[in-house]
N, C-alpha and C. Protein backbone atom coordinates (compact mmCIF):
# COMPACT_ATOMS: atom_id res chain seq x y z
N MET A 1 0.85 -1.18 0.00
CA MET A 1 0.00 0.00 0.00
C MET A 1 0.90 1.24 0.00
N ASN A 2 1.03 1.78 -1.15
CA ASN A 2 1.96 2.88 -1.30
C ASN A 2 1.29 4.24 -1.20
N SER A 3 0.16 4.40 -1.81
CA SER A 3 -0.44 5.73 -1.83
C SER A 3 -1.65 5.81 -0.90
N GLU A 4 -1.96 7.03 -0.53
CA GLU A 4 -3.13 7.23 0.34
C GLU A 4 -4.40 6.79 -0.36
N LYS A 5 -4.44 6.98 -1.67
CA LYS A 5 -5.62 6.58 -2.43
C LYS A 5 -5.84 5.07 -2.31
N GLN A 6 -4.76 4.29 -2.39
CA GLN A 6 -4.87 2.85 -2.26
C GLN A 6 -5.31 2.45 -0.85
N ILE A 7 -4.80 3.17 0.13
CA ILE A 7 -5.17 2.88 1.53
C ILE A 7 -6.65 3.14 1.75
N VAL A 8 -7.12 4.29 1.26
CA VAL A 8 -8.54 4.64 1.42
C VAL A 8 -9.41 3.62 0.71
N ASN A 9 -9.01 3.22 -0.50
CA ASN A 9 -9.78 2.21 -1.24
C ASN A 9 -9.79 0.88 -0.49
N ALA A 10 -8.66 0.52 0.10
CA ALA A 10 -8.60 -0.73 0.86
C ALA A 10 -9.49 -0.65 2.10
N LEU A 11 -9.51 0.51 2.76
CA LEU A 11 -10.38 0.68 3.94
C LEU A 11 -11.85 0.53 3.58
N LYS A 12 -12.23 0.96 2.39
CA LYS A 12 -13.62 0.92 1.97
C LYS A 12 -13.99 -0.40 1.29
N SER A 13 -13.03 -1.27 1.16
CA SER A 13 -13.23 -2.54 0.48
C SER A 13 -14.24 -3.41 1.23
N ILE A 14 -14.86 -4.30 0.48
CA ILE A 14 -15.75 -5.29 1.12
C ILE A 14 -14.95 -6.51 1.55
N ASP A 15 -13.71 -6.59 1.10
CA ASP A 15 -12.81 -7.67 1.48
C ASP A 15 -12.25 -7.38 2.87
N GLU A 16 -12.64 -8.19 3.82
CA GLU A 16 -12.24 -7.97 5.21
C GLU A 16 -10.73 -8.01 5.39
N MET A 17 -10.07 -8.84 4.62
CA MET A 17 -8.61 -8.96 4.69
C MET A 17 -7.95 -7.64 4.26
N GLU A 18 -8.46 -7.03 3.21
CA GLU A 18 -7.91 -5.74 2.75
C GLU A 18 -8.12 -4.65 3.79
N VAL A 19 -9.29 -4.63 4.38
CA VAL A 19 -9.60 -3.64 5.41
C VAL A 19 -8.65 -3.82 6.60
N ASN A 20 -8.47 -5.05 7.03
CA ASN A 20 -7.57 -5.31 8.17
C ASN A 20 -6.13 -4.94 7.85
N LEU A 21 -5.68 -5.23 6.63
CA LEU A 21 -4.32 -4.85 6.23
C LEU A 21 -4.16 -3.33 6.22
N ALA A 22 -5.16 -2.63 5.71
CA ALA A 22 -5.10 -1.17 5.66
C ALA A 22 -5.09 -0.59 7.07
N LEU A 23 -5.95 -1.11 7.94
CA LEU A 23 -5.98 -0.63 9.33
C LEU A 23 -4.67 -0.93 10.04
N GLY A 24 -4.14 -2.10 9.81
CA GLY A 24 -2.85 -2.46 10.41
C GLY A 24 -1.74 -1.53 9.94
N TYR A 25 -1.73 -1.25 8.65
CA TYR A 25 -0.74 -0.34 8.09
C TYR A 25 -0.86 1.05 8.72
N LEU A 26 -2.09 1.56 8.80
CA LEU A 26 -2.32 2.89 9.38
C LEU A 26 -1.95 2.90 10.86
N TYR A 27 -2.32 1.86 11.57
CA TYR A 27 -2.00 1.79 13.00
C TYR A 27 -0.48 1.80 13.20
N ASN A 28 0.22 0.98 12.44
CA ASN A 28 1.69 0.91 12.58
C ASN A 28 2.36 2.24 12.24
N ASN A 29 1.82 2.95 11.26
CA ASN A 29 2.45 4.20 10.82
C ASN A 29 2.04 5.43 11.62
N TYR A 30 0.83 5.42 12.20
CA TYR A 30 0.33 6.63 12.84
C TYR A 30 0.01 6.48 14.32
N CYS A 31 0.18 5.29 14.86
CA CYS A 31 -0.13 5.05 16.27
C CYS A 31 0.64 6.00 17.19
N ARG A 32 1.92 6.12 16.97
CA ARG A 32 2.77 6.97 17.82
C ARG A 32 2.36 8.44 17.71
N LEU A 33 2.09 8.90 16.49
CA LEU A 33 1.67 10.28 16.27
C LEU A 33 0.36 10.56 17.00
N VAL A 34 -0.60 9.66 16.87
CA VAL A 34 -1.90 9.81 17.52
C VAL A 34 -1.72 9.84 19.04
N TYR A 35 -0.91 8.93 19.55
CA TYR A 35 -0.66 8.88 20.99
C TYR A 35 -0.08 10.19 21.50
N ILE A 36 0.90 10.73 20.81
CA ILE A 36 1.54 11.99 21.23
C ILE A 36 0.55 13.15 21.16
N CYS A 37 -0.26 13.20 20.11
CA CYS A 37 -1.27 14.27 19.99
C CYS A 37 -2.26 14.21 21.15
N ILE A 38 -2.73 13.02 21.45
CA ILE A 38 -3.71 12.85 22.53
C ILE A 38 -3.06 13.13 23.89
N LEU A 39 -1.86 12.62 24.10
CA LEU A 39 -1.17 12.83 25.36
C LEU A 39 -0.94 14.32 25.64
N SER A 40 -0.68 15.08 24.58
CA SER A 40 -0.47 16.52 24.77
C SER A 40 -1.73 17.21 25.29
N LEU A 41 -2.89 16.62 25.03
CA LEU A 41 -4.15 17.19 25.50
C LEU A 41 -4.58 16.64 26.85
N VAL A 42 -4.54 15.32 27.01
CA VAL A 42 -5.10 14.72 28.23
C VAL A 42 -4.10 14.57 29.37
N LYS A 43 -2.82 14.61 29.07
CA LYS A 43 -1.74 14.60 30.08
C LYS A 43 -1.70 13.35 30.95
N ASP A 44 -2.29 12.26 30.50
CA ASP A 44 -2.26 11.02 31.27
C ASP A 44 -1.97 9.87 30.30
N LYS A 45 -0.93 9.09 30.59
CA LYS A 45 -0.48 8.05 29.67
C LYS A 45 -1.53 6.96 29.44
N ARG A 46 -2.17 6.51 30.51
CA ARG A 46 -3.17 5.45 30.36
C ARG A 46 -4.36 5.92 29.54
N ASP A 47 -4.83 7.13 29.84
CA ASP A 47 -5.94 7.68 29.07
C ASP A 47 -5.54 7.84 27.62
N ALA A 48 -4.33 8.31 27.37
CA ALA A 48 -3.85 8.51 26.00
C ALA A 48 -3.78 7.18 25.25
N GLU A 49 -3.34 6.13 25.92
CA GLU A 49 -3.28 4.82 25.27
C GLU A 49 -4.68 4.33 24.89
N GLU A 50 -5.61 4.48 25.82
CA GLU A 50 -6.99 4.04 25.55
C GLU A 50 -7.62 4.87 24.43
N LEU A 51 -7.40 6.17 24.47
CA LEU A 51 -7.98 7.05 23.46
C LEU A 51 -7.33 6.84 22.10
N THR A 52 -6.07 6.41 22.08
CA THR A 52 -5.41 6.07 20.82
C THR A 52 -6.12 4.89 20.17
N ASP A 53 -6.42 3.88 20.97
CA ASP A 53 -7.16 2.74 20.44
C ASP A 53 -8.55 3.17 19.96
N ASP A 54 -9.20 4.02 20.74
CA ASP A 54 -10.52 4.53 20.36
C ASP A 54 -10.47 5.26 19.02
N THR A 55 -9.37 5.95 18.77
CA THR A 55 -9.22 6.68 17.51
C THR A 55 -9.27 5.73 16.32
N PHE A 56 -8.57 4.61 16.42
CA PHE A 56 -8.54 3.67 15.30
C PHE A 56 -9.85 2.90 15.17
N ILE A 57 -10.55 2.72 16.28
CA ILE A 57 -11.88 2.13 16.22
C ILE A 57 -12.82 3.08 15.48
N LYS A 58 -12.74 4.36 15.84
CA LYS A 58 -13.57 5.38 15.18
C LYS A 58 -13.22 5.48 13.70
N LEU A 59 -11.94 5.37 13.37
CA LEU A 59 -11.52 5.37 11.96
C LEU A 59 -12.19 4.22 11.23
N TYR A 60 -12.17 3.04 11.82
CA TYR A 60 -12.80 1.88 11.21
C TYR A 60 -14.30 2.12 11.02
N GLN A 61 -14.96 2.66 12.04
CA GLN A 61 -16.41 2.88 11.97
C GLN A 61 -16.78 3.92 10.91
N ASN A 62 -15.88 4.89 10.68
CA ASN A 62 -16.18 5.98 9.74
C ASN A 62 -15.41 5.86 8.43
N ARG A 63 -14.91 4.68 8.13
CA ARG A 63 -14.06 4.52 6.95
C ARG A 63 -14.76 4.87 5.64
N TYR A 64 -16.07 4.75 5.59
CA TYR A 64 -16.77 5.06 4.34
C TYR A 64 -16.94 6.57 4.14
N ASN A 65 -16.66 7.35 5.18
CA ASN A 65 -16.77 8.82 5.08
C ASN A 65 -15.48 9.48 4.60
N ILE A 66 -14.44 8.71 4.41
CA ILE A 66 -13.16 9.27 3.97
C ILE A 66 -13.19 9.43 2.46
N TYR A 67 -12.76 10.58 2.00
CA TYR A 67 -12.66 10.83 0.56
C TYR A 67 -11.24 10.56 0.11
N GLU A 68 -11.11 10.11 -1.10
CA GLU A 68 -9.78 9.81 -1.64
C GLU A 68 -8.90 11.06 -1.67
N SER A 69 -9.53 12.21 -1.78
CA SER A 69 -8.76 13.45 -1.85
C SER A 69 -8.29 13.93 -0.48
N ASP A 70 -8.86 13.37 0.58
CA ASP A 70 -8.46 13.76 1.94
C ASP A 70 -7.11 13.17 2.30
N SER A 71 -6.38 13.88 3.14
CA SER A 71 -5.14 13.35 3.70
C SER A 71 -5.53 12.40 4.82
N ILE A 72 -5.15 11.14 4.70
CA ILE A 72 -5.52 10.15 5.71
C ILE A 72 -4.87 10.48 7.05
N LYS A 73 -3.66 11.01 6.99
CA LYS A 73 -2.96 11.39 8.22
C LYS A 73 -3.74 12.50 8.93
N TYR A 74 -4.16 13.51 8.19
CA TYR A 74 -4.93 14.62 8.77
C TYR A 74 -6.25 14.10 9.32
N TYR A 75 -6.89 13.19 8.59
CA TYR A 75 -8.17 12.63 9.02
C TYR A 75 -8.02 11.89 10.35
N ILE A 76 -6.96 11.10 10.49
CA ILE A 76 -6.73 10.34 11.72
C ILE A 76 -6.42 11.28 12.88
N VAL A 77 -5.58 12.27 12.65
CA VAL A 77 -5.23 13.22 13.72
C VAL A 77 -6.46 14.03 14.13
N THR A 78 -7.31 14.36 13.19
CA THR A 78 -8.54 15.09 13.52
C THR A 78 -9.46 14.23 14.40
N ILE A 79 -9.59 12.96 14.06
CA ILE A 79 -10.38 12.05 14.89
C ILE A 79 -9.80 12.01 16.30
N ALA A 80 -8.48 11.87 16.39
CA ALA A 80 -7.80 11.80 17.69
C ALA A 80 -8.07 13.05 18.51
N LYS A 81 -7.96 14.20 17.87
CA LYS A 81 -8.19 15.48 18.57
C LYS A 81 -9.62 15.55 19.11
N HIS A 82 -10.58 15.17 18.29
CA HIS A 82 -11.98 15.23 18.73
C HIS A 82 -12.26 14.23 19.86
N ILE A 83 -11.68 13.07 19.77
CA ILE A 83 -11.86 12.08 20.84
C ILE A 83 -11.27 12.60 22.14
N ALA A 84 -10.08 13.19 22.07
CA ALA A 84 -9.43 13.73 23.28
C ALA A 84 -10.24 14.89 23.86
N LEU A 85 -10.73 15.78 23.00
CA LEU A 85 -11.52 16.91 23.48
C LEU A 85 -12.83 16.45 24.11
N ASP A 86 -13.49 15.47 23.49
CA ASP A 86 -14.71 14.92 24.08
C ASP A 86 -14.42 14.29 25.44
N PHE A 87 -13.31 13.59 25.53
CA PHE A 87 -12.90 12.98 26.79
C PHE A 87 -12.70 14.05 27.86
N LEU A 88 -12.01 15.13 27.51
CA LEU A 88 -11.77 16.21 28.47
C LEU A 88 -13.07 16.88 28.90
N LYS A 89 -13.98 17.06 27.97
CA LYS A 89 -15.27 17.66 28.32
C LYS A 89 -16.03 16.76 29.29
N ARG A 90 -16.05 15.46 29.00
CA ARG A 90 -16.74 14.51 29.91
C ARG A 90 -16.08 14.52 31.28
N LYS A 91 -14.76 14.51 31.29
CA LYS A 91 -14.02 14.49 32.55
C LYS A 91 -14.31 15.76 33.35
N HIS A 92 -14.32 16.91 32.67
CA HIS A 92 -14.59 18.18 33.34
C HIS A 92 -16.03 18.22 33.84
N LEU A 93 -16.96 17.71 33.06
CA LEU A 93 -18.36 17.67 33.50
C LEU A 93 -18.50 16.84 34.76
N GLU A 94 -17.79 15.72 34.84
CA GLU A 94 -17.86 14.89 36.03
C GLU A 94 -17.39 15.68 37.24
N ILE A 95 -16.34 16.45 37.08
CA ILE A 95 -15.79 17.20 38.20
C ILE A 95 -16.74 18.32 38.60
N VAL A 96 -17.28 19.05 37.63
CA VAL A 96 -18.09 20.22 37.94
C VAL A 96 -19.51 19.84 38.34
N LEU A 97 -20.11 18.90 37.66
CA LEU A 97 -21.53 18.64 37.85
C LEU A 97 -21.85 17.57 38.90
N ASN A 98 -20.93 16.70 39.17
CA ASN A 98 -21.21 15.64 40.12
C ASN A 98 -20.76 16.10 41.50
N ASP A 99 -21.70 16.55 42.32
CA ASP A 99 -21.38 17.10 43.63
C ASP A 99 -20.59 16.12 44.49
N ASP A 100 -20.95 14.85 44.45
CA ASP A 100 -20.23 13.86 45.26
C ASP A 100 -18.76 13.84 44.88
N TYR A 101 -18.49 13.91 43.58
CA TYR A 101 -17.10 13.86 43.12
C TYR A 101 -16.34 15.11 43.59
N VAL A 102 -16.98 16.27 43.47
CA VAL A 102 -16.34 17.50 43.91
C VAL A 102 -16.07 17.44 45.41
N PHE A 103 -17.04 16.97 46.18
CA PHE A 103 -16.87 16.91 47.62
C PHE A 103 -15.82 15.89 48.01
N ASN A 104 -15.63 14.86 47.21
CA ASN A 104 -14.56 13.92 47.49
C ASN A 104 -13.20 14.52 47.17
N CYS A 105 -13.17 15.48 46.27
CA CYS A 105 -11.91 16.09 45.87
C CYS A 105 -11.43 17.12 46.90
N VAL A 106 -12.34 17.75 47.57
CA VAL A 106 -11.97 18.75 48.56
C VAL A 106 -12.61 18.36 49.89
N GLU A 107 -11.98 18.75 50.95
CA GLU A 107 -12.53 18.43 52.26
C GLU A 107 -13.90 19.07 52.42
N ALA A 108 -14.73 18.48 53.29
CA ALA A 108 -16.09 18.97 53.48
C ALA A 108 -16.10 20.43 53.88
N LYS A 109 -15.17 20.82 54.75
CA LYS A 109 -15.10 22.21 55.18
C LYS A 109 -14.85 23.13 53.98
N GLU A 110 -13.92 22.71 53.12
CA GLU A 110 -13.61 23.52 51.94
C GLU A 110 -14.79 23.57 50.98
N SER A 111 -15.53 22.47 50.84
CA SER A 111 -16.66 22.47 49.91
C SER A 111 -17.73 23.45 50.39
N ASP A 112 -17.95 23.55 51.69
CA ASP A 112 -18.90 24.53 52.22
C ASP A 112 -18.42 25.95 51.90
N GLU A 113 -17.11 26.14 51.99
CA GLU A 113 -16.55 27.45 51.67
C GLU A 113 -16.72 27.77 50.19
N ILE A 114 -16.60 26.78 49.34
CA ILE A 114 -16.78 26.99 47.90
C ILE A 114 -18.24 27.36 47.60
N ILE A 115 -19.17 26.68 48.25
CA ILE A 115 -20.58 27.00 48.06
C ILE A 115 -20.86 28.42 48.52
N GLU A 116 -20.30 28.79 49.67
CA GLU A 116 -20.48 30.15 50.19
C GLU A 116 -19.86 31.17 49.22
N LEU A 117 -18.67 30.87 48.72
CA LEU A 117 -18.02 31.76 47.76
C LEU A 117 -18.86 31.91 46.50
N ARG A 118 -19.38 30.79 46.00
CA ARG A 118 -20.23 30.83 44.80
C ARG A 118 -21.46 31.71 45.05
N ASN A 119 -22.06 31.58 46.22
CA ASN A 119 -23.25 32.39 46.54
C ASN A 119 -22.91 33.88 46.61
N ARG A 120 -21.79 34.20 47.24
CA ARG A 120 -21.39 35.61 47.35
C ARG A 120 -21.05 36.21 46.00
N LEU A 121 -20.30 35.47 45.21
CA LEU A 121 -19.94 35.98 43.88
C LEU A 121 -21.19 36.13 43.01
N GLY A 122 -22.15 35.25 43.23
CA GLY A 122 -23.39 35.29 42.46
C GLY A 122 -24.19 36.58 42.67
N LEU A 123 -23.90 37.29 43.76
CA LEU A 123 -24.58 38.57 44.00
C LEU A 123 -24.12 39.63 42.99
N TYR A 124 -22.90 39.49 42.48
CA TYR A 124 -22.31 40.52 41.61
C TYR A 124 -22.07 40.06 40.18
N LEU A 125 -22.00 38.75 39.98
CA LEU A 125 -21.60 38.23 38.67
C LEU A 125 -22.66 37.27 38.11
N SER A 126 -22.60 37.07 36.80
CA SER A 126 -23.46 36.06 36.17
C SER A 126 -22.96 34.68 36.58
N ASP A 127 -23.82 33.68 36.43
CA ASP A 127 -23.44 32.32 36.80
C ASP A 127 -22.22 31.84 36.01
N ASP A 128 -22.18 32.17 34.72
CA ASP A 128 -21.04 31.76 33.88
C ASP A 128 -19.74 32.39 34.37
N ASP A 129 -19.80 33.66 34.73
CA ASP A 129 -18.60 34.34 35.23
C ASP A 129 -18.17 33.77 36.58
N VAL A 130 -19.14 33.43 37.43
CA VAL A 130 -18.82 32.80 38.71
C VAL A 130 -18.08 31.48 38.46
N ASP A 131 -18.59 30.70 37.53
CA ASP A 131 -17.95 29.42 37.21
C ASP A 131 -16.52 29.62 36.74
N ILE A 132 -16.30 30.59 35.87
CA ILE A 132 -14.95 30.85 35.35
C ILE A 132 -14.01 31.24 36.49
N VAL A 133 -14.46 32.15 37.35
CA VAL A 133 -13.61 32.61 38.47
C VAL A 133 -13.29 31.45 39.41
N ILE A 134 -14.28 30.67 39.78
CA ILE A 134 -14.06 29.56 40.72
C ILE A 134 -13.19 28.47 40.10
N GLU A 135 -13.47 28.15 38.84
CA GLU A 135 -12.67 27.11 38.19
C GLU A 135 -11.20 27.52 38.11
N HIS A 136 -10.96 28.80 37.86
CA HIS A 136 -9.57 29.26 37.73
C HIS A 136 -8.90 29.41 39.10
N ILE A 137 -9.57 30.06 40.03
CA ILE A 137 -8.94 30.36 41.31
C ILE A 137 -8.96 29.14 42.25
N VAL A 138 -10.10 28.52 42.41
CA VAL A 138 -10.23 27.44 43.40
C VAL A 138 -9.66 26.12 42.87
N PHE A 139 -10.07 25.74 41.66
CA PHE A 139 -9.67 24.44 41.13
C PHE A 139 -8.40 24.50 40.30
N GLY A 140 -7.90 25.71 40.04
CA GLY A 140 -6.63 25.85 39.33
C GLY A 140 -6.70 25.51 37.86
N CYS A 141 -7.87 25.57 37.26
CA CYS A 141 -8.00 25.28 35.83
C CYS A 141 -7.34 26.40 35.03
N LYS A 142 -6.68 26.01 33.96
CA LYS A 142 -6.06 26.99 33.07
C LYS A 142 -7.13 27.60 32.18
N PHE A 143 -6.88 28.83 31.73
CA PHE A 143 -7.83 29.50 30.86
C PHE A 143 -8.10 28.66 29.61
N GLN A 144 -7.07 28.02 29.11
CA GLN A 144 -7.21 27.19 27.90
C GLN A 144 -8.18 26.04 28.15
N ASP A 145 -8.10 25.40 29.30
CA ASP A 145 -8.99 24.29 29.63
C ASP A 145 -10.43 24.77 29.82
N ILE A 146 -10.58 25.92 30.44
CA ILE A 146 -11.92 26.50 30.63
C ILE A 146 -12.54 26.82 29.28
N ALA A 147 -11.73 27.41 28.40
CA ALA A 147 -12.22 27.77 27.06
C ALA A 147 -12.62 26.52 26.29
N LEU A 148 -11.84 25.48 26.43
CA LEU A 148 -12.13 24.22 25.76
C LEU A 148 -13.46 23.65 26.24
N PHE A 149 -13.67 23.70 27.54
CA PHE A 149 -14.91 23.16 28.09
C PHE A 149 -16.13 23.94 27.61
N TYR A 150 -16.06 25.26 27.67
CA TYR A 150 -17.20 26.09 27.29
C TYR A 150 -17.29 26.32 25.78
N ASP A 151 -16.28 25.82 25.06
CA ASP A 151 -16.23 25.97 23.61
C ASP A 151 -16.28 27.44 23.19
N ILE A 152 -15.46 28.24 23.86
CA ILE A 152 -15.32 29.66 23.53
C ILE A 152 -13.83 29.97 23.43
N PRO A 153 -13.48 31.07 22.77
CA PRO A 153 -12.05 31.41 22.64
C PRO A 153 -11.40 31.70 23.99
N VAL A 154 -10.12 31.40 24.09
CA VAL A 154 -9.36 31.62 25.32
C VAL A 154 -9.40 33.09 25.70
N ASN A 155 -9.27 33.98 24.73
CA ASN A 155 -9.29 35.42 25.03
C ASN A 155 -10.64 35.86 25.63
N THR A 156 -11.71 35.22 25.22
CA THR A 156 -13.02 35.53 25.79
C THR A 156 -13.05 35.13 27.27
N VAL A 157 -12.49 33.97 27.59
CA VAL A 157 -12.44 33.52 28.98
C VAL A 157 -11.61 34.50 29.80
N LYS A 158 -10.44 34.88 29.29
CA LYS A 158 -9.58 35.81 30.01
C LYS A 158 -10.28 37.15 30.23
N THR A 159 -10.93 37.65 29.19
CA THR A 159 -11.63 38.93 29.29
C THR A 159 -12.73 38.86 30.35
N ARG A 160 -13.52 37.79 30.31
CA ARG A 160 -14.60 37.64 31.29
C ARG A 160 -14.06 37.50 32.70
N TYR A 161 -12.94 36.78 32.85
CA TYR A 161 -12.32 36.58 34.15
C TYR A 161 -11.84 37.91 34.72
N PHE A 162 -11.09 38.68 33.94
CA PHE A 162 -10.54 39.94 34.46
C PHE A 162 -11.62 41.00 34.66
N ARG A 163 -12.66 40.99 33.83
CA ARG A 163 -13.79 41.90 34.06
C ARG A 163 -14.50 41.52 35.35
N ALA A 164 -14.65 40.24 35.59
CA ALA A 164 -15.31 39.78 36.82
C ALA A 164 -14.50 40.21 38.04
N LEU A 165 -13.19 40.08 37.97
CA LEU A 165 -12.35 40.51 39.09
C LEU A 165 -12.46 42.02 39.32
N ARG A 166 -12.47 42.78 38.24
CA ARG A 166 -12.63 44.24 38.39
C ARG A 166 -13.98 44.57 39.01
N LYS A 167 -15.01 43.88 38.59
CA LYS A 167 -16.35 44.13 39.13
C LYS A 167 -16.40 43.79 40.62
N ILE A 168 -15.79 42.69 41.00
CA ILE A 168 -15.75 42.30 42.41
C ILE A 168 -14.98 43.36 43.21
N LYS A 169 -13.86 43.79 42.68
CA LYS A 169 -13.03 44.79 43.34
C LYS A 169 -13.82 46.09 43.53
N THR A 170 -14.53 46.50 42.49
CA THR A 170 -15.34 47.72 42.58
C THR A 170 -16.43 47.58 43.63
N GLU A 171 -17.10 46.44 43.63
CA GLU A 171 -18.17 46.20 44.60
C GLU A 171 -17.62 46.18 46.03
N MET A 172 -16.47 45.59 46.20
CA MET A 172 -15.87 45.49 47.54
C MET A 172 -15.45 46.88 48.04
N ARG A 173 -14.95 47.73 47.13
CA ARG A 173 -14.59 49.09 47.53
C ARG A 173 -15.81 49.83 48.05
N GLY A 174 -16.94 49.65 47.35
CA GLY A 174 -18.17 50.32 47.73
C GLY A 174 -18.65 49.89 49.12
N ILE A 175 -18.42 48.63 49.45
CA ILE A 175 -18.85 48.11 50.75
C ILE A 175 -17.98 48.68 51.88
N TYR A 176 -16.68 48.77 51.63
CA TYR A 176 -15.77 49.18 52.68
C TYR A 176 -15.48 50.67 52.75
N GLU A 177 -16.09 51.46 51.87
CA GLU A 177 -15.85 52.92 51.92
C GLU A 177 -16.86 53.61 52.78
């Protein structure tokens, strides 16, 4: 299998042996690249290994959607990126939305403080801005990760974060003057 066109044709073949050979060829040639791309996003070796396998499963499931004119390498890396991003979104949702999980991550005393902080900030900020401030300050999430979760640009997250801080600062000055 020399050309990408031959590989794509083999993937779409009704001959199971050709499909398996094409998948094996792609796995051998792109497995390491996919693993590195995913690892750069998820930062965990075991998760990256599992998601690498998921990428090639997804490639197999979507093999009929590949066009001969597409770069197979780009197609595989795109699948890997989307799988990693979906994984991160699910992981972040578990942390944010599952109260039991959050309370297991922080001591009970701290969780009460977080709830109190959320309530106080909610007096001055929108719920989305409260989430951004708490995720960044309390949980140490990077702006890039927050942007990824909310599917908005990083600069938008930064702008909302710093505006929220200015608003809090202004409100606090008014209380103490």
